[in-house]
């Protein structure tokens, strides 16, 4: 059964600092 606590498990990105290059 889900515990539904997912709010804290979101990555909060920003278009102002986005690394728009390849990441290996």
PDBML (XML) file of the C-alpha atoms, coordinates in Angstrom:
<?xml version="1.0" encoding="UTF-8" ?>
<PDBx:datablock datablockName="MODEL"
   xmlns:PDBx="http://pdbml.pdb.org/schema/pdbx-v50.xsd"
   xmlns:xsi="http://www.w3.org/2001/XMLSchema-instance"
   xsi:schemaLocation="http://pdbml.pdb.org/schema/pdbx-v50.xsd pdbx-v50.xsd">
   <PDBx:atom_siteCategory>
      <PDBx:atom_site id="1">
         <PDBx:B_iso_or_equiv>0.00</PDBx:B_iso_or_equiv>
         <PDBx:Cartn_x>0.000</PDBx:Cartn_x>
         <PDBx:Cartn_y>0.000</PDBx:Cartn_y>
         <PDBx:Cartn_z>0.000</PDBx:Cartn_z>
         <PDBx:auth_asym_id>A</PDBx:auth_asym_id>
         <PDBx:auth_atom_id>CA</PDBx:auth_atom_id>
         <PDBx:auth_comp_id>UNK</PDBx:auth_comp_id>
         <PDBx:auth_seq_id>1</PDBx:auth_seq_id>
         <PDBx:group_PDB>ATOM</PDBx:group_PDB>
         <PDBx:label_alt_id xsi:nil="true" />
         <PDBx:label_asym_id>A</PDBx:label_asym_id>
         <PDBx:label_atom_id>CA</PDBx:label_atom_id>
         <PDBx:label_comp_id>UNK</PDBx:label_comp_id>
         <PDBx:label_entity_id>1</PDBx:label_entity_id>
         <PDBx:label_seq_id>1</PDBx:label_seq_id>
         <PDBx:occupancy>1.00</PDBx:occupancy>
         <PDBx:pdbx_PDB_model_num>1</PDBx:pdbx_PDB_model_num>
         <PDBx:type_symbol>C</PDBx:type_symbol>
      </PDBx:atom_site>
      <PDBx:atom_site id="2">
         <PDBx:B_iso_or_equiv>0.00</PDBx:B_iso_or_equiv>
         <PDBx:Cartn_x>1.363</PDBx:Cartn_x>
         <PDBx:Cartn_y>3.469</PDBx:Cartn_y>
         <PDBx:Cartn_z>-0.928</PDBx:Cartn_z>
         <PDBx:auth_asym_id>A</PDBx:auth_asym_id>
         <PDBx:auth_atom_id>CA</PDBx:auth_atom_id>
         <PDBx:auth_comp_id>UNK</PDBx:auth_comp_id>
         <PDBx:auth_seq_id>2</PDBx:auth_seq_id>
         <PDBx:group_PDB>ATOM</PDBx:group_PDB>
         <PDBx:label_alt_id xsi:nil="true" />
         <PDBx:label_asym_id>A</PDBx:label_asym_id>
         <PDBx:label_atom_id>CA</PDBx:label_atom_id>
         <PDBx:label_comp_id>UNK</PDBx:label_comp_id>
         <PDBx:label_entity_id>1</PDBx:label_entity_id>
         <PDBx:label_seq_id>2</PDBx:label_seq_id>
         <PDBx:occupancy>1.00</PDBx:occupancy>
         <PDBx:pdbx_PDB_model_num>1</PDBx:pdbx_PDB_model_num>
         <PDBx:type_symbol>C</PDBx:type_symbol>
      </PDBx:atom_site>
      <PDBx:atom_site id="3">
         <PDBx:B_iso_or_equiv>0.00</PDBx:B_iso_or_equiv>
         <PDBx:Cartn_x>2.373</PDBx:Cartn_x>
         <PDBx:Cartn_y>5.755</PDBx:Cartn_y>
         <PDBx:Cartn_z>1.930</PDBx:Cartn_z>
         <PDBx:auth_asym_id>A</PDBx:auth_asym_id>
         <PDBx:auth_atom_id>CA</PDBx:auth_atom_id>
         <PDBx:auth_comp_id>UNK</PDBx:auth_comp_id>
         <PDBx:auth_seq_id>3</PDBx:auth_seq_id>
         <PDBx:group_PDB>ATOM</PDBx:group_PDB>
         <PDBx:label_alt_id xsi:nil="true" />
         <PDBx:label_asym_id>A</PDBx:label_asym_id>
         <PDBx:label_atom_id>CA</PDBx:label_atom_id>
         <PDBx:label_comp_id>UNK</PDBx:label_comp_id>
         <PDBx:label_entity_id>1</PDBx:label_entity_id>
         <PDBx:label_seq_id>3</PDBx:label_seq_id>
         <PDBx:occupancy>1.00</PDBx:occupancy>
         <PDBx:pdbx_PDB_model_num>1</PDBx:pdbx_PDB_model_num>
         <PDBx:type_symbol>C</PDBx:type_symbol>
      </PDBx:atom_site>
      <PDBx:atom_site id="4">
         <PDBx:B_iso_or_equiv>0.00</PDBx:B_iso_or_equiv>
         <PDBx:Cartn_x>1.991</PDBx:Cartn_x>
         <PDBx:Cartn_y>8.914</PDBx:Cartn_y>
         <PDBx:Cartn_z>-0.212</PDBx:Cartn_z>
         <PDBx:auth_asym_id>A</PDBx:auth_asym_id>
         <PDBx:auth_atom_id>CA</PDBx:auth_atom_id>
         <PDBx:auth_comp_id>UNK</PDBx:auth_comp_id>
         <PDBx:auth_seq_id>4</PDBx:auth_seq_id>
         <PDBx:group_PDB>ATOM</PDBx:group_PDB>
         <PDBx:label_alt_id xsi:nil="true" />
         <PDBx:label_asym_id>A</PDBx:label_asym_id>
         <PDBx:label_atom_id>CA</PDBx:label_atom_id>
         <PDBx:label_comp_id>UNK</PDBx:label_comp_id>
         <PDBx:label_entity_id>1</PDBx:label_entity_id>
         <PDBx:label_seq_id>4</PDBx:label_seq_id>
         <PDBx:occupancy>1.00</PDBx:occupancy>
         <PDBx:pdbx_PDB_model_num>1</PDBx:pdbx_PDB_model_num>
         <PDBx:type_symbol>C</PDBx:type_symbol>
      </PDBx:atom_site>
      <PDBx:atom_site id="5">
         <PDBx:B_iso_or_equiv>0.00</PDBx:B_iso_or_equiv>
         <PDBx:Cartn_x>4.779</PDBx:Cartn_x>
         <PDBx:Cartn_y>11.093</PDBx:Cartn_y>
         <PDBx:Cartn_z>1.122</PDBx:Cartn_z>
         <PDBx:auth_asym_id>A</PDBx:auth_asym_id>
         <PDBx:auth_atom_id>CA</PDBx:auth_atom_id>
         <PDBx:auth_comp_id>UNK</PDBx:auth_comp_id>
         <PDBx:auth_seq_id>5</PDBx:auth_seq_id>
         <PDBx:group_PDB>ATOM</PDBx:group_PDB>
         <PDBx:label_alt_id xsi:nil="true" />
         <PDBx:label_asym_id>A</PDBx:label_asym_id>
         <PDBx:label_atom_id>CA</PDBx:label_atom_id>
         <PDBx:label_comp_id>UNK</PDBx:label_comp_id>
         <PDBx:label_entity_id>1</PDBx:label_entity_id>
         <PDBx:label_seq_id>5</PDBx:label_seq_id>
         <PDBx:occupancy>1.00</PDBx:occupancy>
         <PDBx:pdbx_PDB_model_num>1</PDBx:pdbx_PDB_model_num>
         <PDBx:type_symbol>C</PDBx:type_symbol>
      </PDBx:atom_site>
      <PDBx:atom_site id="6">
         <PDBx:B_iso_or_equiv>0.00</PDBx:B_iso_or_equiv>
         <PDBx:Cartn_x>6.155</PDBx:Cartn_x>
         <PDBx:Cartn_y>12.004</PDBx:Cartn_y>
         <PDBx:Cartn_z>-2.301</PDBx:Cartn_z>
         <PDBx:auth_asym_id>A</PDBx:auth_asym_id>
         <PDBx:auth_atom_id>CA</PDBx:auth_atom_id>
         <PDBx:auth_comp_id>UNK</PDBx:auth_comp_id>
         <PDBx:auth_seq_id>6</PDBx:auth_seq_id>
         <PDBx:group_PDB>ATOM</PDBx:group_PDB>
         <PDBx:label_alt_id xsi:nil="true" />
         <PDBx:label_asym_id>A</PDBx:label_asym_id>
         <PDBx:label_atom_id>CA</PDBx:label_atom_id>
         <PDBx:label_comp_id>UNK</PDBx:label_comp_id>
         <PDBx:label_entity_id>1</PDBx:label_entity_id>
         <PDBx:label_seq_id>6</PDBx:label_seq_id>
         <PDBx:occupancy>1.00</PDBx:occupancy>
         <PDBx:pdbx_PDB_model_num>1</PDBx:pdbx_PDB_model_num>
         <PDBx:type_symbol>C</PDBx:type_symbol>
      </PDBx:atom_site>
      <PDBx:atom_site id="7">
         <PDBx:B_iso_or_equiv>0.00</PDBx:B_iso_or_equiv>
         <PDBx:Cartn_x>6.195</PDBx:Cartn_x>
         <PDBx:Cartn_y>15.787</PDBx:Cartn_y>
         <PDBx:Cartn_z>-1.937</PDBx:Cartn_z>
         <PDBx:auth_asym_id>A</PDBx:auth_asym_id>
         <PDBx:auth_atom_id>CA</PDBx:auth_atom_id>
         <PDBx:auth_comp_id>UNK</PDBx:auth_comp_id>
         <PDBx:auth_seq_id>7</PDBx:auth_seq_id>
         <PDBx:group_PDB>ATOM</PDBx:group_PDB>
         <PDBx:label_alt_id xsi:nil="true" />
         <PDBx:label_asym_id>A</PDBx:label_asym_id>
         <PDBx:label_atom_id>CA</PDBx:label_atom_id>
         <PDBx:label_comp_id>UNK</PDBx:label_comp_id>
         <PDBx:label_entity_id>1</PDBx:label_entity_id>
         <PDBx:label_seq_id>7</PDBx:label_seq_id>
         <PDBx:occupancy>1.00</PDBx:occupancy>
         <PDBx:pdbx_PDB_model_num>1</PDBx:pdbx_PDB_model_num>
         <PDBx:type_symbol>C</PDBx:type_symbol>
      </PDBx:atom_site>
      <PDBx:atom_site id="8">
         <PDBx:B_iso_or_equiv>0.00</PDBx:B_iso_or_equiv>
         <PDBx:Cartn_x>9.699</PDBx:Cartn_x>
         <PDBx:Cartn_y>15.685</PDBx:Cartn_y>
         <PDBx:Cartn_z>-0.464</PDBx:Cartn_z>
         <PDBx:auth_asym_id>A</PDBx:auth_asym_id>
         <PDBx:auth_atom_id>CA</PDBx:auth_atom_id>
         <PDBx:auth_comp_id>UNK</PDBx:auth_comp_id>
         <PDBx:auth_seq_id>8</PDBx:auth_seq_id>
         <PDBx:group_PDB>ATOM</PDBx:group_PDB>
         <PDBx:label_alt_id xsi:nil="true" />
         <PDBx:label_asym_id>A</PDBx:label_asym_id>
         <PDBx:label_atom_id>CA</PDBx:label_atom_id>
         <PDBx:label_comp_id>UNK</PDBx:label_comp_id>
         <PDBx:label_entity_id>1</PDBx:label_entity_id>
         <PDBx:label_seq_id>8</PDBx:label_seq_id>
         <PDBx:occupancy>1.00</PDBx:occupancy>
         <PDBx:pdbx_PDB_model_num>1</PDBx:pdbx_PDB_model_num>
         <PDBx:type_symbol>C</PDBx:type_symbol>
      </PDBx:atom_site>
      <PDBx:atom_site id="9">
         <PDBx:B_iso_or_equiv>0.00</PDBx:B_iso_or_equiv>
         <PDBx:Cartn_x>11.014</PDBx:Cartn_x>
         <PDBx:Cartn_y>13.477</PDBx:Cartn_y>
         <PDBx:Cartn_z>-3.247</PDBx:Cartn_z>
         <PDBx:auth_asym_id>A</PDBx:auth_asym_id>
         <PDBx:auth_atom_id>CA</PDBx:auth_atom_id>
         <PDBx:auth_comp_id>UNK</PDBx:auth_comp_id>
         <PDBx:auth_seq_id>9</PDBx:auth_seq_id>
         <PDBx:group_PDB>ATOM</PDBx:group_PDB>
         <PDBx:label_alt_id xsi:nil="true" />
         <PDBx:label_asym_id>A</PDBx:label_asym_id>
         <PDBx:label_atom_id>CA</PDBx:label_atom_id>
         <PDBx:label_comp_id>UNK</PDBx:label_comp_id>
         <PDBx:label_entity_id>1</PDBx:label_entity_id>
         <PDBx:label_seq_id>9</PDBx:label_seq_id>
         <PDBx:occupancy>1.00</PDBx:occupancy>
         <PDBx:pdbx_PDB_model_num>1</PDBx:pdbx_PDB_model_num>
         <PDBx:type_symbol>C</PDBx:type_symbol>
      </PDBx:atom_site>
      <PDBx:atom_site id="10">
         <PDBx:B_iso_or_equiv>0.00</PDBx:B_iso_or_equiv>
         <PDBx:Cartn_x>10.652</PDBx:Cartn_x>
         <PDBx:Cartn_y>15.982</PDBx:Cartn_y>
         <PDBx:Cartn_z>-6.089</PDBx:Cartn_z>
         <PDBx:auth_asym_id>A</PDBx:auth_asym_id>
         <PDBx:auth_atom_id>CA</PDBx:auth_atom_id>
         <PDBx:auth_comp_id>UNK</PDBx:auth_comp_id>
         <PDBx:auth_seq_id>10</PDBx:auth_seq_id>
         <PDBx:group_PDB>ATOM</PDBx:group_PDB>
         <PDBx:label_alt_id xsi:nil="true" />
         <PDBx:label_asym_id>A</PDBx:label_asym_id>
         <PDBx:label_atom_id>CA</PDBx:label_atom_id>
         <PDBx:label_comp_id>UNK</PDBx:label_comp_id>
         <PDBx:label_entity_id>1</PDBx:label_entity_id>
         <PDBx:label_seq_id>10</PDBx:label_seq_id>
         <PDBx:occupancy>1.00</PDBx:occupancy>
         <PDBx:pdbx_PDB_model_num>1</PDBx:pdbx_PDB_model_num>
         <PDBx:type_symbol>C</PDBx:type_symbol>
      </PDBx:atom_site>
      <PDBx:atom_site id="11">
         <PDBx:B_iso_or_equiv>0.00</PDBx:B_iso_or_equiv>
         <PDBx:Cartn_x>13.722</PDBx:Cartn_x>
         <PDBx:Cartn_y>17.444</PDBx:Cartn_y>
         <PDBx:Cartn_z>-7.806</PDBx:Cartn_z>
         <PDBx:auth_asym_id>A</PDBx:auth_asym_id>
         <PDBx:auth_atom_id>CA</PDBx:auth_atom_id>
         <PDBx:auth_comp_id>UNK</PDBx:auth_comp_id>
         <PDBx:auth_seq_id>11</PDBx:auth_seq_id>
         <PDBx:group_PDB>ATOM</PDBx:group_PDB>
         <PDBx:label_alt_id xsi:nil="true" />
         <PDBx:label_asym_id>A</PDBx:label_asym_id>
         <PDBx:label_atom_id>CA</PDBx:label_atom_id>
         <PDBx:label_comp_id>UNK</PDBx:label_comp_id>
         <PDBx:label_entity_id>1</PDBx:label_entity_id>
         <PDBx:label_seq_id>11</PDBx:label_seq_id>
         <PDBx:occupancy>1.00</PDBx:occupancy>
         <PDBx:pdbx_PDB_model_num>1</PDBx:pdbx_PDB_model_num>
         <PDBx:type_symbol>C</PDBx:type_symbol>
      </PDBx:atom_site>
      <PDBx:atom_site id="12">
         <PDBx:B_iso_or_equiv>0.00</PDBx:B_iso_or_equiv>
         <PDBx:Cartn_x>13.069</PDBx:Cartn_x>
         <PDBx:Cartn_y>21.202</PDBx:Cartn_y>
         <PDBx:Cartn_z>-7.921</PDBx:Cartn_z>
         <PDBx:auth_asym_id>A</PDBx:auth_asym_id>
         <PDBx:auth_atom_id>CA</PDBx:auth_atom_id>
         <PDBx:auth_comp_id>UNK</PDBx:auth_comp_id>
         <PDBx:auth_seq_id>12</PDBx:auth_seq_id>
         <PDBx:group_PDB>ATOM</PDBx:group_PDB>
         <PDBx:label_alt_id xsi:nil="true" />
         <PDBx:label_asym_id>A</PDBx:label_asym_id>
         <PDBx:label_atom_id>CA</PDBx:label_atom_id>
         <PDBx:label_comp_id>UNK</PDBx:label_comp_id>
         <PDBx:label_entity_id>1</PDBx:label_entity_id>
         <PDBx:label_seq_id>12</PDBx:label_seq_id>
         <PDBx:occupancy>1.00</PDBx:occupancy>
         <PDBx:pdbx_PDB_model_num>1</PDBx:pdbx_PDB_model_num>
         <PDBx:type_symbol>C</PDBx:type_symbol>
      </PDBx:atom_site>
      <PDBx:atom_site id="13">
         <PDBx:B_iso_or_equiv>0.00</PDBx:B_iso_or_equiv>
         <PDBx:Cartn_x>14.832</PDBx:Cartn_x>
         <PDBx:Cartn_y>22.499</PDBx:Cartn_y>
         <PDBx:Cartn_z>-10.991</PDBx:Cartn_z>
         <PDBx:auth_asym_id>A</PDBx:auth_asym_id>
         <PDBx:auth_atom_id>CA</PDBx:auth_atom_id>
         <PDBx:auth_comp_id>UNK</PDBx:auth_comp_id>
         <PDBx:auth_seq_id>13</PDBx:auth_seq_id>
         <PDBx:group_PDB>ATOM</PDBx:group_PDB>
         <PDBx:label_alt_id xsi:nil="true" />
         <PDBx:label_asym_id>A</PDBx:label_asym_id>
         <PDBx:label_atom_id>CA</PDBx:label_atom_id>
         <PDBx:label_comp_id>UNK</PDBx:label_comp_id>
         <PDBx:label_entity_id>1</PDBx:label_entity_id>
         <PDBx:label_seq_id>13</PDBx:label_seq_id>
         <PDBx:occupancy>1.00</PDBx:occupancy>
         <PDBx:pdbx_PDB_model_num>1</PDBx:pdbx_PDB_model_num>
         <PDBx:type_symbol>C</PDBx:type_symbol>
      </PDBx:atom_site>
      <PDBx:atom_site id="14">
         <PDBx:B_iso_or_equiv>0.00</PDBx:B_iso_or_equiv>
         <PDBx:Cartn_x>15.113</PDBx:Cartn_x>
         <PDBx:Cartn_y>26.000</PDBx:Cartn_y>
         <PDBx:Cartn_z>-12.419</PDBx:Cartn_z>
         <PDBx:auth_asym_id>A</PDBx:auth_asym_id>
         <PDBx:auth_atom_id>CA</PDBx:auth_atom_id>
         <PDBx:auth_comp_id>UNK</PDBx:auth_comp_id>
         <PDBx:auth_seq_id>14</PDBx:auth_seq_id>
         <PDBx:group_PDB>ATOM</PDBx:group_PDB>
         <PDBx:label_alt_id xsi:nil="true" />
         <PDBx:label_asym_id>A</PDBx:label_asym_id>
         <PDBx:label_atom_id>CA</PDBx:label_atom_id>
         <PDBx:label_comp_id>UNK</PDBx:label_comp_id>
         <PDBx:label_entity_id>1</PDBx:label_entity_id>
         <PDBx:label_seq_id>14</PDBx:label_seq_id>
         <PDBx:occupancy>1.00</PDBx:occupancy>
         <PDBx:pdbx_PDB_model_num>1</PDBx:pdbx_PDB_model_num>
         <PDBx:type_symbol>C</PDBx:type_symbol>
      </PDBx:atom_site>
      <PDBx:atom_site id="15">
         <PDBx:B_iso_or_equiv>0.00</PDBx:B_iso_or_equiv>
         <PDBx:Cartn_x>15.209</PDBx:Cartn_x>
         <PDBx:Cartn_y>27.152</PDBx:Cartn_y>
         <PDBx:Cartn_z>-16.040</PDBx:Cartn_z>
         <PDBx:auth_asym_id>A</PDBx:auth_asym_id>
         <PDBx:auth_atom_id>CA</PDBx:auth_atom_id>
         <PDBx:auth_comp_id>UNK</PDBx:auth_comp_id>
         <PDBx:auth_seq_id>15</PDBx:auth_seq_id>
         <PDBx:group_PDB>ATOM</PDBx:group_PDB>
         <PDBx:label_alt_id xsi:nil="true" />
         <PDBx:label_asym_id>A</PDBx:label_asym_id>
         <PDBx:label_atom_id>CA</PDBx:label_atom_id>
         <PDBx:label_comp_id>UNK</PDBx:label_comp_id>
         <PDBx:label_entity_id>1</PDBx:label_entity_id>
         <PDBx:label_seq_id>15</PDBx:label_seq_id>
         <PDBx:occupancy>1.00</PDBx:occupancy>
         <PDBx:pdbx_PDB_model_num>1</PDBx:pdbx_PDB_model_num>
         <PDBx:type_symbol>C</PDBx:type_symbol>
      </PDBx:atom_site>
      <PDBx:atom_site id="16">
         <PDBx:B_iso_or_equiv>0.00</PDBx:B_iso_or_equiv>
         <PDBx:Cartn_x>17.601</PDBx:Cartn_x>
         <PDBx:Cartn_y>29.901</PDBx:Cartn_y>
         <PDBx:Cartn_z>-14.918</PDBx:Cartn_z>
         <PDBx:auth_asym_id>A</PDBx:auth_asym_id>
         <PDBx:auth_atom_id>CA</PDBx:auth_atom_id>
         <PDBx:auth_comp_id>UNK</PDBx:auth_comp_id>
         <PDBx:auth_seq_id>16</PDBx:auth_seq_id>
         <PDBx:group_PDB>ATOM</PDBx:group_PDB>
         <PDBx:label_alt_id xsi:nil="true" />
         <PDBx:label_asym_id>A</PDBx:label_asym_id>
         <PDBx:label_atom_id>CA</PDBx:label_atom_id>
         <PDBx:label_comp_id>UNK</PDBx:label_comp_id>
         <PDBx:label_entity_id>1</PDBx:label_entity_id>
         <PDBx:label_seq_id>16</PDBx:label_seq_id>
         <PDBx:occupancy>1.00</PDBx:occupancy>
         <PDBx:pdbx_PDB_model_num>1</PDBx:pdbx_PDB_model_num>
         <PDBx:type_symbol>C</PDBx:type_symbol>
      </PDBx:atom_site>
      <PDBx:atom_site id="17">
         <PDBx:B_iso_or_equiv>0.00</PDBx:B_iso_or_equiv>
         <PDBx:Cartn_x>20.413</PDBx:Cartn_x>
         <PDBx:Cartn_y>27.424</PDBx:Cartn_y>
         <PDBx:Cartn_z>-14.148</PDBx:Cartn_z>
         <PDBx:auth_asym_id>A</PDBx:auth_asym_id>
         <PDBx:auth_atom_id>CA</PDBx:auth_atom_id>
         <PDBx:auth_comp_id>UNK</PDBx:auth_comp_id>
         <PDBx:auth_seq_id>17</PDBx:auth_seq_id>
         <PDBx:group_PDB>ATOM</PDBx:group_PDB>
         <PDBx:label_alt_id xsi:nil="true" />
         <PDBx:label_asym_id>A</PDBx:label_asym_id>
         <PDBx:label_atom_id>CA</PDBx:label_atom_id>
         <PDBx:label_comp_id>UNK</PDBx:label_comp_id>
         <PDBx:label_entity_id>1</PDBx:label_entity_id>
         <PDBx:label_seq_id>17</PDBx:label_seq_id>
         <PDBx:occupancy>1.00</PDBx:occupancy>
         <PDBx:pdbx_PDB_model_num>1</PDBx:pdbx_PDB_model_num>
         <PDBx:type_symbol>C</PDBx:type_symbol>
      </PDBx:atom_site>
      <PDBx:atom_site id="18">
         <PDBx:B_iso_or_equiv>0.00</PDBx:B_iso_or_equiv>
         <PDBx:Cartn_x>19.590</PDBx:Cartn_x>
         <PDBx:Cartn_y>24.422</PDBx:Cartn_y>
         <PDBx:Cartn_z>-16.364</PDBx:Cartn_z>
         <PDBx:auth_asym_id>A</PDBx:auth_asym_id>
         <PDBx:auth_atom_id>CA</PDBx:auth_atom_id>
         <PDBx:auth_comp_id>UNK</PDBx:auth_comp_id>
         <PDBx:auth_seq_id>18</PDBx:auth_seq_id>
         <PDBx:group_PDB>ATOM</PDBx:group_PDB>
         <PDBx:label_alt_id xsi:nil="true" />
         <PDBx:label_asym_id>A</PDBx:label_asym_id>
         <PDBx:label_atom_id>CA</PDBx:label_atom_id>
         <PDBx:label_comp_id>UNK</PDBx:label_comp_id>
         <PDBx:label_entity_id>1</PDBx:label_entity_id>
         <PDBx:label_seq_id>18</PDBx:label_seq_id>
         <PDBx:occupancy>1.00</PDBx:occupancy>
         <PDBx:pdbx_PDB_model_num>1</PDBx:pdbx_PDB_model_num>
         <PDBx:type_symbol>C</PDBx:type_symbol>
      </PDBx:atom_site>
      <PDBx:atom_site id="19">
         <PDBx:B_iso_or_equiv>0.00</PDBx:B_iso_or_equiv>
         <PDBx:Cartn_x>22.675</PDBx:Cartn_x>
         <PDBx:Cartn_y>22.443</PDBx:Cartn_y>
         <PDBx:Cartn_z>-17.453</PDBx:Cartn_z>
         <PDBx:auth_asym_id>A</PDBx:auth_asym_id>
         <PDBx:auth_atom_id>CA</PDBx:auth_atom_id>
         <PDBx:auth_comp_id>UNK</PDBx:auth_comp_id>
         <PDBx:auth_seq_id>19</PDBx:auth_seq_id>
         <PDBx:group_PDB>ATOM</PDBx:group_PDB>
         <PDBx:label_alt_id xsi:nil="true" />
         <PDBx:label_asym_id>A</PDBx:label_asym_id>
         <PDBx:label_atom_id>CA</PDBx:label_atom_id>
         <PDBx:label_comp_id>UNK</PDBx:label_comp_id>
         <PDBx:label_entity_id>1</PDBx:label_entity_id>
         <PDBx:label_seq_id>19</PDBx:label_seq_id>
         <PDBx:occupancy>1.00</PDBx:occupancy>
         <PDBx:pdbx_PDB_model_num>1</PDBx:pdbx_PDB_model_num>
         <PDBx:type_symbol>C</PDBx:type_symbol>
      </PDBx:atom_site>
      <PDBx:atom_site id="20">
         <PDBx:B_iso_or_equiv>0.00</PDBx:B_iso_or_equiv>
         <PDBx:Cartn_x>21.702</PDBx:Cartn_x>
         <PDBx:Cartn_y>21.910</PDBx:Cartn_y>
         <PDBx:Cartn_z>-21.093</PDBx:Cartn_z>
         <PDBx:auth_asym_id>A</PDBx:auth_asym_id>
         <PDBx:auth_atom_id>CA</PDBx:auth_atom_id>
         <PDBx:auth_comp_id>UNK</PDBx:auth_comp_id>
         <PDBx:auth_seq_id>20</PDBx:auth_seq_id>
         <PDBx:group_PDB>ATOM</PDBx:group_PDB>
         <PDBx:label_alt_id xsi:nil="true" />
         <PDBx:label_asym_id>A</PDBx:label_asym_id>
         <PDBx:label_atom_id>CA</PDBx:label_atom_id>
         <PDBx:label_comp_id>UNK</PDBx:label_comp_id>
         <PDBx:label_entity_id>1</PDBx:label_entity_id>
         <PDBx:label_seq_id>20</PDBx:label_seq_id>
         <PDBx:occupancy>1.00</PDBx:occupancy>
         <PDBx:pdbx_PDB_model_num>1</PDBx:pdbx_PDB_model_num>
         <PDBx:type_symbol>C</PDBx:type_symbol>
      </PDBx:atom_site>
      <PDBx:atom_site id="21">
         <PDBx:B_iso_or_equiv>0.00</PDBx:B_iso_or_equiv>
         <PDBx:Cartn_x>24.694</PDBx:Cartn_x>
         <PDBx:Cartn_y>19.740</PDBx:Cartn_y>
         <PDBx:Cartn_z>-21.969</PDBx:Cartn_z>
         <PDBx:auth_asym_id>A</PDBx:auth_asym_id>
         <PDBx:auth_atom_id>CA</PDBx:auth_atom_id>
         <PDBx:auth_comp_id>UNK</PDBx:auth_comp_id>
         <PDBx:auth_seq_id>21</PDBx:auth_seq_id>
         <PDBx:group_PDB>ATOM</PDBx:group_PDB>
         <PDBx:label_alt_id xsi:nil="true" />
         <PDBx:label_asym_id>A</PDBx:label_asym_id>
         <PDBx:label_atom_id>CA</PDBx:label_atom_id>
         <PDBx:label_comp_id>UNK</PDBx:label_comp_id>
         <PDBx:label_entity_id>1</PDBx:label_entity_id>
         <PDBx:label_seq_id>21</PDBx:label_seq_id>
         <PDBx:occupancy>1.00</PDBx:occupancy>
         <PDBx:pdbx_PDB_model_num>1</PDBx:pdbx_PDB_model_num>
         <PDBx:type_symbol>C</PDBx:type_symbol>
      </PDBx:atom_site>
      <PDBx:atom_site id="22">
         <PDBx:B_iso_or_equiv>0.00</PDBx:B_iso_or_equiv>
         <PDBx:Cartn_x>25.289</PDBx:Cartn_x>
         <PDBx:Cartn_y>15.979</PDBx:Cartn_y>
         <PDBx:Cartn_z>-21.914</PDBx:Cartn_z>
         <PDBx:auth_asym_id>A</PDBx:auth_asym_id>
         <PDBx:auth_atom_id>CA</PDBx:auth_atom_id>
         <PDBx:auth_comp_id>UNK</PDBx:auth_comp_id>
         <PDBx:auth_seq_id>22</PDBx:auth_seq_id>
         <PDBx:group_PDB>ATOM</PDBx:group_PDB>
         <PDBx:label_alt_id xsi:nil="true" />
         <PDBx:label_asym_id>A</PDBx:label_asym_id>
         <PDBx:label_atom_id>CA</PDBx:label_atom_id>
         <PDBx:label_comp_id>UNK</PDBx:label_comp_id>
         <PDBx:label_entity_id>1</PDBx:label_entity_id>
         <PDBx:label_seq_id>22</PDBx:label_seq_id>
         <PDBx:occupancy>1.00</PDBx:occupancy>
         <PDBx:pdbx_PDB_model_num>1</PDBx:pdbx_PDB_model_num>
         <PDBx:type_symbol>C</PDBx:type_symbol>
      </PDBx:atom_site>
      <PDBx:atom_site id="23">
         <PDBx:B_iso_or_equiv>0.00</PDBx:B_iso_or_equiv>
         <PDBx:Cartn_x>25.664</PDBx:Cartn_x>
         <PDBx:Cartn_y>14.274</PDBx:Cartn_y>
         <PDBx:Cartn_z>-18.542</PDBx:Cartn_z>
         <PDBx:auth_asym_id>A</PDBx:auth_asym_id>
         <PDBx:auth_atom_id>CA</PDBx:auth_atom_id>
         <PDBx:auth_comp_id>UNK</PDBx:auth_comp_id>
         <PDBx:auth_seq_id>23</PDBx:auth_seq_id>
         <PDBx:group_PDB>ATOM</PDBx:group_PDB>
         <PDBx:label_alt_id xsi:nil="true" />
         <PDBx:label_asym_id>A</PDBx:label_asym_id>
         <PDBx:label_atom_id>CA</PDBx:label_atom_id>
         <PDBx:label_comp_id>UNK</PDBx:label_comp_id>
         <PDBx:label_entity_id>1</PDBx:label_entity_id>
         <PDBx:label_seq_id>23</PDBx:label_seq_id>
         <PDBx:occupancy>1.00</PDBx:occupancy>
         <PDBx:pdbx_PDB_model_num>1</PDBx:pdbx_PDB_model_num>
         <PDBx:type_symbol>C</PDBx:type_symbol>
      </PDBx:atom_site>
      <PDBx:atom_site id="24">
         <PDBx:B_iso_or_equiv>0.00</PDBx:B_iso_or_equiv>
         <PDBx:Cartn_x>27.196</PDBx:Cartn_x>
         <PDBx:Cartn_y>10.792</PDBx:Cartn_y>
         <PDBx:Cartn_z>-18.405</PDBx:Cartn_z>
         <PDBx:auth_asym_id>A</PDBx:auth_asym_id>
         <PDBx:auth_atom_id>CA</PDBx:auth_atom_id>
         <PDBx:auth_comp_id>UNK</PDBx:auth_comp_id>
         <PDBx:auth_seq_id>24</PDBx:auth_seq_id>
         <PDBx:group_PDB>ATOM</PDBx:group_PDB>
         <PDBx:label_alt_id xsi:nil="true" />
         <PDBx:label_asym_id>A</PDBx:label_asym_id>
         <PDBx:label_atom_id>CA</PDBx:label_atom_id>
         <PDBx:label_comp_id>UNK</PDBx:label_comp_id>
         <PDBx:label_entity_id>1</PDBx:label_entity_id>
         <PDBx:label_seq_id>24</PDBx:label_seq_id>
         <PDBx:occupancy>1.00</PDBx:occupancy>
         <PDBx:pdbx_PDB_model_num>1</PDBx:pdbx_PDB_model_num>
         <PDBx:type_symbol>C</PDBx:type_symbol>
      </PDBx:atom_site>
   </PDBx:atom_siteCategory>
</PDBx:datablock>
